Protein backbone atom coordinates (compact mmCIF):
# COMPACT_ATOMS: atom_id res chain seq x y z
CA MET A 1 -7.27 -1.32 -20.20
CA LYS A 2 -7.03 0.23 -16.79
CA ARG A 3 -4.07 -1.09 -14.88
CA ALA A 4 -3.86 -0.58 -10.86
CA SER A 5 -1.99 1.97 -9.57
CA TYR A 6 0.06 0.18 -7.07
CA ARG A 7 1.09 -3.50 -6.74
CA HIS A 8 3.19 -5.95 -5.08
CA ILE A 9 6.03 -7.96 -6.38
CA GLY A 10 8.22 -10.00 -4.02
CA GLY A 11 7.13 -8.49 -0.76
CA ALA A 12 7.24 -5.09 -1.80
CA VAL A 13 4.60 -2.36 -2.76
CA ILE A 14 5.29 -0.98 -5.98
CA SER A 15 4.14 2.16 -7.77
CA ASP A 16 5.13 3.89 -10.92
CA HIS A 17 8.06 5.77 -8.92
CA GLY A 18 9.12 2.92 -7.32
CA VAL A 19 8.82 0.81 -4.00
CA ILE A 20 7.10 1.99 -0.79
CA PRO A 21 7.44 0.97 2.37
CA LEU A 22 4.90 -0.63 3.95
CA ARG A 23 4.44 2.10 6.77
CA ARG A 24 4.11 4.81 4.40
CA ALA A 25 1.51 2.72 1.95
CA ARG A 26 -0.67 2.72 5.22
CA ASP A 27 0.10 6.40 5.52
CA LEU A 28 -1.02 6.98 1.78
CA ILE A 29 -4.13 4.67 2.15
CA SER A 30 -5.59 6.83 4.89
CA PHE A 31 -4.78 9.72 2.93
CA TYR A 32 -6.40 8.80 -0.15
CA ALA A 33 -9.49 7.68 1.79
CA SER A 34 -9.48 11.17 3.74
CA GLU A 35 -9.12 12.84 0.33
CA SER A 36 -11.94 10.67 -1.11
CA SER A 37 -14.58 11.35 1.64
CA ASP A 38 -13.75 15.37 1.79
CA ARG A 39 -13.77 15.38 -2.15
CA ARG A 40 -17.41 13.07 -1.98
CA ALA A 41 -18.60 15.49 0.52
CA ALA A 42 -17.88 18.81 -1.43
CA GLY A 43 -19.63 17.37 -4.25
CA ASP A 44 -16.45 16.24 -6.68
CA THR A 45 -17.44 12.62 -7.13
CA ARG A 46 -14.94 11.85 -9.81
CA ILE A 47 -11.82 13.03 -7.92
CA ALA A 48 -13.17 11.15 -4.85
CA GLN A 49 -13.43 7.84 -6.82
CA VAL A 50 -10.21 8.32 -8.12
CA CYS A 51 -8.78 8.76 -4.76
CA ALA A 52 -11.07 5.65 -3.46
CA ASP A 53 -9.71 3.59 -6.43
CA ARG A 54 -6.00 4.34 -5.41
CA ALA A 55 -6.72 3.63 -1.67
CA LEU A 56 -8.01 0.06 -2.91
CA ASP A 57 -5.21 -0.80 -5.14
CA LEU A 58 -3.00 0.32 -2.47
CA SER A 59 -4.38 -1.72 0.10
CA LYS A 60 -4.91 -4.41 -2.34
CA ALA A 61 -1.04 -4.27 -2.81
CA LEU A 62 -0.06 -3.74 1.04
CA GLU A 63 -1.94 -7.36 1.98
CA GLY A 64 -0.16 -8.88 -0.92
CA ALA A 65 3.26 -7.63 -0.11
CA GLU A 66 2.56 -8.21 4.06
CA ARG A 67 1.49 -11.90 2.81
CA TRP A 68 4.42 -12.86 0.42
CA ARG A 69 6.69 -11.08 3.56
CA ARG A 70 5.22 -13.81 6.23
CA ALA A 71 5.54 -16.56 3.93
CA ALA A 72 9.06 -15.52 3.40
CA GLY A 73 9.48 -15.89 7.10
CA TRP A 74 9.42 -12.22 8.10
CA CYS A 75 7.39 -12.29 11.54
CA VAL A 76 6.94 -8.64 11.56
CA PRO A 77 6.77 -7.44 7.47
CA ASP A 78 7.54 -4.04 8.35
CA ALA A 79 10.89 -5.50 9.38
CA ALA A 80 12.14 -6.38 6.12
CA ASP A 81 11.78 -2.36 5.05
CA ASP A 82 14.72 -1.80 7.57
CA HIS A 83 17.48 -3.76 6.49
CA ARG A 84 19.54 -3.88 9.96
CA ALA A 85 16.70 -5.50 11.18
CA PRO A 86 17.12 -9.72 11.50
CA ALA A 87 14.79 -11.52 9.12
CA ARG A 88 13.43 -14.22 11.43
CA GLU A 89 13.07 -14.85 15.17
CA ALA A 90 15.75 -16.53 17.09
């Protein structure tokens, strides 16, 4: 059974290697999408699909983490990654 490469738990994006800040998750989505496109253009459809699947898994995890953070009161979901930032607007 296939498990998602990335998931969200309690407002955090999780990989097999730990928590990923939301900004970094967005960068990785762009990277995987670009790699997928490049690999497909080079005729390597298997790797292109792996990259596309990882981008999709990560996008879903990011969306879920952002939704959770907004529900928890974070006006700017990325601010939760910076522990010095206030959680809510005054």
